[in-house]
């Protein structure tokens, strides 16, 4: 593990429950300035590295992109993290295992704190996010 001085936080919830939408709020509340979400490294609202998994042609390709299976994607992200040297980072995932896999692939420590979507959103808000994902594809 190369970047063991970075504090890693996890934000976990099923697909389509509003994680990306709420990530900035969770990051802000925990004084985190960088987020890894669907293959992207985001600072505030700016993408600073990576390739969006959402643009992948298949569900399997989407997952591969999101967890940095591709050597080039992984290398680009590790180089960006080494250059930026964030003191903390929030990794979004659909499960604890997914976040751990992302951390491992990017040579980051395992998360020291996990925040679940149910901790920051009501069931109504989660259902609304799911409905929007299903009907509008967002």
C-alpha atoms as a PDB file:
ATOM      1  CA  UNK A   1       0.000   0.000   0.000  1.00  0.00           C
ATOM      2  CA  UNK A   2       1.650   3.182  -1.190  1.00  0.00           C
ATOM      3  CA  UNK A   3      -0.686   5.889   0.071  1.00  0.00           C
ATOM      4  CA  UNK A   4      -1.279   4.755   3.637  1.00  0.00           C
ATOM      5  CA  UNK A   5      -1.379   8.315   5.009  1.00  0.00           C
ATOM      6  CA  UNK A   6      -4.721   9.084   3.328  1.00  0.00           C
ATOM      7  CA  UNK A   7      -7.829   8.748   5.497  1.00  0.00           C
ATOM      8  CA  UNK A   8     -10.361   6.755   3.522  1.00  0.00           C
ATOM      9  CA  UNK A   9     -14.093   7.008   4.111  1.00  0.00           C
ATOM     10  CA  UNK A  10     -16.751   4.848   2.461  1.00  0.00           C
ATOM     11  CA  UNK A  11     -20.223   5.912   1.341  1.00  0.00           C
ATOM     12  CA  UNK A  12     -22.266   2.800   0.647  1.00  0.00           C
ATOM     13  CA  UNK A  13     -25.717   2.136  -0.750  1.00  0.00           C
ATOM     14  CA  UNK A  14     -27.464   0.224  -3.517  1.00  0.00           C
ATOM     15  CA  UNK A  15     -27.405   1.549  -7.090  1.00  0.00           C
ATOM     16  CA  UNK A  16     -29.844   4.342  -7.785  1.00  0.00           C
ATOM     17  CA  UNK A  17     -30.393   5.402  -4.170  1.00  0.00           C
ATOM     18  CA  UNK A  18     -28.857   8.877  -4.475  1.00  0.00           C
ATOM     19  CA  UNK A  19     -25.238   8.342  -3.376  1.00  0.00           C
ATOM     20  CA  UNK A  20     -23.723  10.561  -6.067  1.00  0.00           C
ATOM     21  CA  UNK A  21     -26.346  13.212  -5.365  1.00  0.00           C
ATOM     22  CA  UNK A  22     -25.570  13.219  -1.619  1.00  0.00           C
ATOM     23  CA  UNK A  23     -21.801  12.653  -1.843  1.00  0.00           C
ATOM     24  CA  UNK A  24     -20.857  16.359  -1.644  1.00  0.00           C
ATOM     25  CA  UNK A  25     -22.952  16.766   1.503  1.00  0.00           C
ATOM     26  CA  UNK A  26     -21.398  13.695   3.148  1.00  0.00           C
ATOM     27  CA  UNK A  27     -17.908  14.843   2.111  1.00  0.00           C
ATOM     28  CA  UNK A  28     -18.516  18.347   3.419  1.00  0.00           C
ATOM     29  CA  UNK A  29     -19.845  17.084   6.772  1.00  0.00           C
ATOM     30  CA  UNK A  30     -16.675  14.984   7.179  1.00  0.00           C
ATOM     31  CA  UNK A  31     -14.253  17.668   5.885  1.00  0.00           C
ATOM     32  CA  UNK A  32     -13.342  15.563   2.827  1.00  0.00           C
ATOM     33  CA  UNK A  33     -12.427  17.367  -0.399  1.00  0.00           C
ATOM     34  CA  UNK A  34     -12.003  14.417  -2.788  1.00  0.00           C
ATOM     35  CA  UNK A  35     -14.507  11.783  -3.887  1.00  0.00           C
ATOM     36  CA  UNK A  36     -14.080   8.639  -5.976  1.00  0.00           C
ATOM     37  CA  UNK A  37     -17.353   7.848  -7.715  1.00  0.00           C
ATOM     38  CA  UNK A  38     -17.895   5.569 -10.717  1.00  0.00           C
ATOM     39  CA  UNK A  39     -14.305   5.728 -11.932  1.00  0.00           C
ATOM     40  CA  UNK A  40     -13.902   9.469 -11.403  1.00  0.00           C
ATOM     41  CA  UNK A  41     -11.862  11.520  -8.933  1.00  0.00           C
ATOM     42  CA  UNK A  42     -13.871  14.600  -8.021  1.00  0.00           C
ATOM     43  CA  UNK A  43     -12.736  17.709  -6.102  1.00  0.00           C
ATOM     44  CA  UNK A  44     -15.710  19.789  -5.010  1.00  0.00           C
ATOM     45  CA  UNK A  45     -17.755  19.535  -8.250  1.00  0.00           C
ATOM     46  CA  UNK A  46     -14.827  19.235 -10.673  1.00  0.00           C
ATOM     47  CA  UNK A  47     -13.670  15.978 -12.224  1.00  0.00           C
ATOM     48  CA  UNK A  48      -9.874  15.953 -11.838  1.00  0.00           C
ATOM     49  CA  UNK A  49      -9.093  12.423 -13.099  1.00  0.00           C
ATOM     50  CA  UNK A  50     -10.619   9.216 -14.371  1.00  0.00           C
ATOM     51  CA  UNK A  51     -13.181   8.003 -16.859  1.00  0.00           C
ATOM     52  CA  UNK A  52     -16.856   7.717 -16.056  1.00  0.00           C
ATOM     53  CA  UNK A  53     -18.113   4.182 -15.585  1.00  0.00           C
ATOM     54  CA  UNK A  54     -21.587   5.443 -16.468  1.00  0.00           C
ATOM     55  CA  UNK A  55     -20.490   5.693 -20.121  1.00  0.00           C
ATOM     56  CA  UNK A  56     -19.455   2.028 -20.311  1.00  0.00           C
ATOM     57  CA  UNK A  57     -21.438  -0.036 -22.859  1.00  0.00           C
ATOM     58  CA  UNK A  58     -22.411  -2.918 -20.545  1.00  0.00           C
ATOM     59  CA  UNK A  59     -23.144  -3.470 -16.882  1.00  0.00           C
ATOM     60  CA  UNK A  60     -20.000  -5.619 -16.529  1.00  0.00           C
ATOM     61  CA  UNK A  61     -17.856  -2.907 -18.137  1.00  0.00           C
ATOM     62  CA  UNK A  62     -19.457  -0.360 -15.797  1.00  0.00           C
ATOM     63  CA  UNK A  63     -18.416  -2.384 -12.739  1.00  0.00           C
ATOM     64  CA  UNK A  64     -14.904  -2.974 -14.120  1.00  0.00           C
ATOM     65  CA  UNK A  65     -14.451   0.781 -14.678  1.00  0.00           C
ATOM     66  CA  UNK A  66     -15.853   1.660 -11.261  1.00  0.00           C
ATOM     67  CA  UNK A  67     -13.448  -0.664  -9.421  1.00  0.00           C
ATOM     68  CA  UNK A  68     -10.408   0.116 -11.596  1.00  0.00           C
ATOM     69  CA  UNK A  69      -9.816  -3.329 -13.116  1.00  0.00           C
ATOM     70  CA  UNK A  70      -8.222  -1.822 -16.250  1.00  0.00           C
ATOM     71  CA  UNK A  71      -4.483  -1.256 -15.702  1.00  0.00           C
ATOM     72  CA  UNK A  72      -4.450   2.084 -17.526  1.00  0.00           C
ATOM     73  CA  UNK A  73      -7.435   3.449 -15.589  1.00  0.00           C
ATOM     74  CA  UNK A  74      -5.858   2.264 -12.334  1.00  0.00           C
ATOM     75  CA  UNK A  75      -2.453   3.745 -13.205  1.00  0.00           C
ATOM     76  CA  UNK A  76      -3.988   7.113 -14.160  1.00  0.00           C
ATOM     77  CA  UNK A  77      -5.926   7.300 -10.887  1.00  0.00           C
ATOM     78  CA  UNK A  78      -2.965   6.279  -8.720  1.00  0.00           C
ATOM     79  CA  UNK A  79      -0.784   8.908 -10.450  1.00  0.00           C
ATOM     80  CA  UNK A  80      -3.452  11.568  -9.874  1.00  0.00           C
ATOM     81  CA  UNK A  81      -3.721  10.636  -6.184  1.00  0.00           C
ATOM     82  CA  UNK A  82       0.066  10.702  -5.756  1.00  0.00           C
ATOM     83  CA  UNK A  83       0.224  14.131  -7.396  1.00  0.00           C
ATOM     84  CA  UNK A  84      -2.701  15.630  -5.450  1.00  0.00           C
ATOM     85  CA  UNK A  85      -1.857  13.959  -2.113  1.00  0.00           C
ATOM     86  CA  UNK A  86      -5.308  14.343  -0.541  1.00  0.00           C
ATOM     87  CA  UNK A  87      -5.386  13.959   3.218  1.00  0.00           C
ATOM     88  CA  UNK A  88      -8.765  12.212   2.980  1.00  0.00           C
ATOM     89  CA  UNK A  89     -11.012  10.722   0.330  1.00  0.00           C
ATOM     90  CA  UNK A  90     -14.611   9.471   0.137  1.00  0.00           C
ATOM     91  CA  UNK A  91     -15.132   6.334  -1.954  1.00  0.00           C
ATOM     92  CA  UNK A  92     -18.656   5.579  -3.156  1.00  0.00           C
ATOM     93  CA  UNK A  93     -19.779   2.002  -3.683  1.00  0.00           C
ATOM     94  CA  UNK A  94     -22.745  -0.327  -3.710  1.00  0.00           C
ATOM     95  CA  UNK A  95     -21.274  -2.521  -0.950  1.00  0.00           C
ATOM     96  CA  UNK A  96     -18.534  -2.559   1.664  1.00  0.00           C
ATOM     97  CA  UNK A  97     -16.716  -5.118  -0.487  1.00  0.00           C
ATOM     98  CA  UNK A  98     -16.823  -2.873  -3.546  1.00  0.00           C
ATOM     99  CA  UNK A  99     -15.306   0.047  -1.632  1.00  0.00           C
ATOM    100  CA  UNK A 100     -12.598  -2.223  -0.213  1.00  0.00           C
ATOM    101  CA  UNK A 101     -11.827  -3.503  -3.743  1.00  0.00           C
ATOM    102  CA  UNK A 102     -11.504   0.082  -5.029  1.00  0.00           C
ATOM    103  CA  UNK A 103      -9.225   0.983  -2.103  1.00  0.00           C
ATOM    104  CA  UNK A 104      -7.085  -2.119  -2.695  1.00  0.00           C
ATOM    105  CA  UNK A 105      -6.835  -1.525  -6.453  1.00  0.00           C
ATOM    106  CA  UNK A 106      -5.790   2.099  -5.885  1.00  0.00           C
ATOM    107  CA  UNK A 107      -3.278   1.166  -3.170  1.00  0.00           C
ATOM    108  CA  UNK A 108      -5.265   3.052  -0.540  1.00  0.00           C
ATOM    109  CA  UNK A 109      -5.913   2.010   3.061  1.00  0.00           C
ATOM    110  CA  UNK A 110      -9.186   0.294   3.886  1.00  0.00           C
ATOM    111  CA  UNK A 111     -11.936   2.718   4.986  1.00  0.00           C
ATOM    112  CA  UNK A 112     -11.715   3.882   8.578  1.00  0.00           C
ATOM    113  CA  UNK A 113     -15.344   5.016   8.579  1.00  0.00           C
ATOM    114  CA  UNK A 114     -18.352   3.885   6.563  1.00  0.00           C
ATOM    115  CA  UNK A 115     -21.429   6.009   6.030  1.00  0.00           C
ATOM    116  CA  UNK A 116     -24.486   4.242   4.648  1.00  0.00           C
ATOM    117  CA  UNK A 117     -27.117   5.916   2.469  1.00  0.00           C
ATOM    118  CA  UNK A 118     -29.723   5.139   5.174  1.00  0.00           C
ATOM    119  CA  UNK A 119     -27.661   7.285   7.588  1.00  0.00           C
ATOM    120  CA  UNK A 120     -28.170  10.405   5.460  1.00  0.00           C
ATOM    121  CA  UNK A 121     -31.406   9.851   3.516  1.00  0.00           C
ATOM    122  CA  UNK A 122     -34.912   8.863   4.521  1.00  0.00           C
ATOM    123  CA  UNK A 123     -36.669   5.884   2.934  1.00  0.00           C
ATOM    124  CA  UNK A 124     -38.856   8.385   1.027  1.00  0.00           C
ATOM    125  CA  UNK A 125     -35.779  10.166  -0.384  1.00  0.00           C
ATOM    126  CA  UNK A 126     -34.207   6.853  -1.375  1.00  0.00           C
ATOM    127  CA  UNK A 127     -37.418   5.738  -3.095  1.00  0.00           C
ATOM    128  CA  UNK A 128     -37.608   9.070  -4.943  1.00  0.00           C
ATOM    129  CA  UNK A 129     -34.006   8.626  -6.123  1.00  0.00           C
ATOM    130  CA  UNK A 130     -34.805   5.097  -7.321  1.00  0.00           C
ATOM    131  CA  UNK A 131     -37.903   6.316  -9.166  1.00  0.00           C
ATOM    132  CA  UNK A 132     -35.920   9.090 -10.890  1.00  0.00           C
ATOM    133  CA  UNK A 133     -33.195   6.586 -11.854  1.00  0.00           C
ATOM    134  CA  UNK A 134     -35.795   4.215 -13.299  1.00  0.00           C
ATOM    135  CA  UNK A 135     -37.981   6.742 -15.093  1.00  0.00           C
ATOM    136  CA  UNK A 136     -35.418   9.380 -16.152  1.00  0.00           C
ATOM    137  CA  UNK A 137     -32.230   7.325 -16.178  1.00  0.00           C
ATOM    138  CA  UNK A 138     -30.428   9.833 -13.929  1.00  0.00           C
END
